[in-house]
Amino acid sequence: MSYTPSFVVADSLDDLHGPTTGEVTLPNHLLWNPPDPFDLDDDKELCAMLRIVLRAAHSLPNSPSTWIVAV
């Protein structure tokens, strides 16, 4: 049996409407033990939050567009 990754692709960049500034606390289904909120004004924290969301995108109950924005 071989591993086949799952991919999630937005129909349009206009569908991506996640937060771009401020603080975000991810729900437990994305991050079991959420740390302090992610400060999206800090590039390292923004990247960490996006990495978590993108890794879980195929299993999100709602579209990952809740968390990702096209810039």
N, C-alpha and C. Protein backbone atom coordinates (compact mmCIF):
# COMPACT_ATOMS: atom_id res chain seq x y z
N MET A 1 0.85 -1.17 0.00
CA MET A 1 0.00 0.00 0.00
C MET A 1 0.90 1.24 0.00
N SER A 2 0.59 2.19 -0.85
CA SER A 2 1.39 3.41 -0.92
C SER A 2 0.63 4.57 -0.30
N TYR A 3 1.39 5.56 0.11
CA TYR A 3 0.82 6.76 0.73
C TYR A 3 0.43 7.76 -0.37
N THR A 4 -0.80 8.22 -0.32
CA THR A 4 -1.26 9.24 -1.26
C THR A 4 -1.73 10.44 -0.45
N PRO A 5 -1.03 11.56 -0.55
CA PRO A 5 -1.44 12.73 0.23
C PRO A 5 -2.76 13.31 -0.27
N SER A 6 -3.48 13.94 0.65
CA SER A 6 -4.72 14.63 0.30
C SER A 6 -4.42 16.10 0.11
N PHE A 7 -5.13 16.71 -0.80
CA PHE A 7 -4.95 18.13 -1.06
C PHE A 7 -6.29 18.84 -1.02
N VAL A 8 -6.26 20.07 -0.55
CA VAL A 8 -7.44 20.92 -0.55
C VAL A 8 -7.07 22.16 -1.35
N VAL A 9 -7.91 22.48 -2.33
CA VAL A 9 -7.64 23.63 -3.19
C VAL A 9 -8.88 24.52 -3.19
N ALA A 10 -8.68 25.79 -2.95
CA ALA A 10 -9.79 26.74 -2.99
C ALA A 10 -10.25 26.91 -4.43
N ASP A 11 -11.55 27.07 -4.61
CA ASP A 11 -12.07 27.30 -5.96
C ASP A 11 -11.59 28.63 -6.51
N SER A 12 -11.43 29.61 -5.61
CA SER A 12 -11.01 30.94 -6.02
C SER A 12 -10.24 31.59 -4.87
N LEU A 13 -9.28 32.44 -5.20
CA LEU A 13 -8.56 33.16 -4.15
C LEU A 13 -9.50 34.08 -3.37
N ASP A 14 -10.61 34.47 -4.00
CA ASP A 14 -11.60 35.30 -3.33
C ASP A 14 -12.28 34.56 -2.17
N ASP A 15 -12.19 33.22 -2.18
CA ASP A 15 -12.79 32.43 -1.11
C ASP A 15 -11.96 32.45 0.16
N LEU A 16 -10.72 32.87 0.07
CA LEU A 16 -9.82 32.87 1.23
C LEU A 16 -9.98 34.18 1.99
N HIS A 17 -10.58 34.10 3.15
CA HIS A 17 -10.92 35.32 3.89
C HIS A 17 -10.54 35.24 5.36
N GLY A 18 -9.44 34.57 5.67
CA GLY A 18 -9.01 34.43 7.05
C GLY A 18 -8.45 35.72 7.62
N PRO A 19 -8.12 35.71 8.89
CA PRO A 19 -7.60 36.92 9.55
C PRO A 19 -6.19 37.25 9.08
N THR A 20 -5.86 38.52 9.11
CA THR A 20 -4.52 38.96 8.70
C THR A 20 -3.78 39.70 9.80
N THR A 21 -4.48 40.16 10.81
CA THR A 21 -3.85 40.87 11.92
C THR A 21 -4.53 40.45 13.21
N GLY A 22 -3.92 40.85 14.31
CA GLY A 22 -4.51 40.57 15.61
C GLY A 22 -4.09 39.22 16.13
N GLU A 23 -4.87 38.71 17.08
CA GLU A 23 -4.56 37.44 17.72
C GLU A 23 -5.60 36.40 17.33
N VAL A 24 -5.13 35.16 17.17
CA VAL A 24 -6.01 34.05 16.80
C VAL A 24 -5.69 32.86 17.72
N THR A 25 -6.72 32.29 18.27
CA THR A 25 -6.59 31.04 19.01
C THR A 25 -7.26 29.96 18.18
N LEU A 26 -6.49 28.96 17.79
CA LEU A 26 -7.05 27.89 16.97
C LEU A 26 -7.93 26.98 17.82
N PRO A 27 -8.99 26.44 17.23
CA PRO A 27 -9.86 25.53 17.97
C PRO A 27 -9.14 24.21 18.28
N ASN A 28 -9.67 23.48 19.24
CA ASN A 28 -9.04 22.24 19.69
C ASN A 28 -8.88 21.20 18.60
N HIS A 29 -9.76 21.19 17.59
CA HIS A 29 -9.60 20.17 16.54
C HIS A 29 -8.40 20.47 15.64
N LEU A 30 -7.84 21.66 15.74
CA LEU A 30 -6.62 21.98 14.99
C LEU A 30 -5.38 21.91 15.87
N LEU A 31 -5.51 22.30 17.10
CA LEU A 31 -4.38 22.32 18.02
C LEU A 31 -4.89 21.90 19.39
N TRP A 32 -4.55 20.67 19.79
CA TRP A 32 -5.12 20.08 21.00
C TRP A 32 -4.93 20.92 22.24
N ASN A 33 -3.75 21.36 22.48
CA ASN A 33 -3.47 22.15 23.67
C ASN A 33 -3.07 23.55 23.23
N PRO A 34 -4.04 24.35 22.85
CA PRO A 34 -3.68 25.65 22.30
C PRO A 34 -2.81 26.46 23.25
N PRO A 35 -1.70 26.98 22.72
CA PRO A 35 -0.89 27.87 23.53
C PRO A 35 -1.58 29.23 23.61
N ASP A 36 -0.84 30.22 24.02
CA ASP A 36 -1.39 31.57 23.96
C ASP A 36 -1.80 31.83 22.51
N PRO A 37 -2.68 32.79 22.31
CA PRO A 37 -3.11 33.08 20.94
C PRO A 37 -1.91 33.40 20.03
N PHE A 38 -2.05 33.07 18.75
CA PHE A 38 -1.04 33.42 17.76
C PHE A 38 -1.17 34.91 17.44
N ASP A 39 -0.08 35.63 17.49
CA ASP A 39 -0.05 37.05 17.14
C ASP A 39 0.27 37.13 15.65
N LEU A 40 -0.74 37.41 14.84
CA LEU A 40 -0.57 37.41 13.38
C LEU A 40 0.27 38.58 12.88
N ASP A 41 0.57 39.53 13.75
CA ASP A 41 1.45 40.63 13.37
C ASP A 41 2.92 40.23 13.49
N ASP A 42 3.17 39.06 14.06
CA ASP A 42 4.52 38.50 14.19
C ASP A 42 4.67 37.43 13.10
N ASP A 43 5.58 37.63 12.16
CA ASP A 43 5.73 36.73 11.02
C ASP A 43 5.95 35.28 11.43
N LYS A 44 6.73 35.03 12.48
CA LYS A 44 6.99 33.66 12.91
C LYS A 44 5.72 32.99 13.44
N GLU A 45 4.94 33.74 14.20
CA GLU A 45 3.70 33.18 14.73
C GLU A 45 2.67 32.97 13.63
N LEU A 46 2.62 33.90 12.67
CA LEU A 46 1.72 33.75 11.52
C LEU A 46 2.07 32.48 10.75
N CYS A 47 3.36 32.27 10.49
CA CYS A 47 3.80 31.07 9.76
C CYS A 47 3.48 29.81 10.54
N ALA A 48 3.65 29.83 11.85
CA ALA A 48 3.34 28.66 12.68
C ALA A 48 1.86 28.33 12.61
N MET A 49 1.01 29.34 12.70
CA MET A 49 -0.43 29.12 12.64
C MET A 49 -0.82 28.57 11.26
N LEU A 50 -0.29 29.15 10.20
CA LEU A 50 -0.62 28.69 8.85
C LEU A 50 -0.13 27.26 8.63
N ARG A 51 1.02 26.91 9.15
CA ARG A 51 1.55 25.55 9.01
C ARG A 51 0.58 24.54 9.64
N ILE A 52 0.09 24.86 10.81
CA ILE A 52 -0.86 23.96 11.50
C ILE A 52 -2.14 23.81 10.68
N VAL A 53 -2.67 24.92 10.20
CA VAL A 53 -3.91 24.89 9.42
C VAL A 53 -3.72 24.12 8.12
N LEU A 54 -2.62 24.36 7.43
CA LEU A 54 -2.40 23.69 6.15
C LEU A 54 -2.18 22.19 6.32
N ARG A 55 -1.52 21.79 7.38
CA ARG A 55 -1.32 20.36 7.63
C ARG A 55 -2.64 19.64 7.90
N ALA A 56 -3.58 20.34 8.49
CA ALA A 56 -4.86 19.72 8.84
C ALA A 56 -5.97 20.03 7.83
N ALA A 57 -5.66 20.74 6.78
CA ALA A 57 -6.68 21.23 5.85
C ALA A 57 -7.57 20.13 5.29
N HIS A 58 -7.02 18.98 4.99
CA HIS A 58 -7.81 17.90 4.41
C HIS A 58 -8.84 17.32 5.37
N SER A 59 -8.67 17.57 6.66
CA SER A 59 -9.60 17.01 7.63
C SER A 59 -10.44 18.07 8.35
N LEU A 60 -10.38 19.29 7.90
CA LEU A 60 -11.16 20.36 8.56
C LEU A 60 -12.64 20.20 8.28
N PRO A 61 -13.47 20.33 9.31
CA PRO A 61 -14.91 20.22 9.08
C PRO A 61 -15.43 21.38 8.24
N ASN A 62 -14.81 22.53 8.35
CA ASN A 62 -15.15 23.68 7.51
C ASN A 62 -13.95 23.94 6.61
N SER A 63 -14.16 24.74 5.64
CA SER A 63 -13.09 25.06 4.71
C SER A 63 -11.92 25.71 5.42
N PRO A 64 -10.67 25.41 5.00
CA PRO A 64 -9.52 26.09 5.60
C PRO A 64 -9.53 27.59 5.29
N SER A 65 -10.42 28.03 4.41
CA SER A 65 -10.48 29.45 4.07
C SER A 65 -10.88 30.30 5.28
N THR A 66 -11.39 29.66 6.32
CA THR A 66 -11.69 30.38 7.56
C THR A 66 -10.42 30.93 8.17
N TRP A 67 -9.29 30.24 7.94
CA TRP A 67 -8.04 30.59 8.59
C TRP A 67 -6.99 31.17 7.64
N ILE A 68 -7.18 31.07 6.34
CA ILE A 68 -6.17 31.47 5.38
C ILE A 68 -6.72 32.61 4.53
N VAL A 69 -5.87 33.57 4.24
CA VAL A 69 -6.28 34.69 3.40
C VAL A 69 -5.33 34.79 2.23
N ALA A 70 -5.84 35.16 1.07
CA ALA A 70 -4.99 35.38 -0.10
C ALA A 70 -4.54 36.83 -0.08
N VAL A 71 -3.25 37.02 -0.15
CA VAL A 71 -2.70 38.40 -0.17
C VAL A 71 -1.89 38.63 -1.41
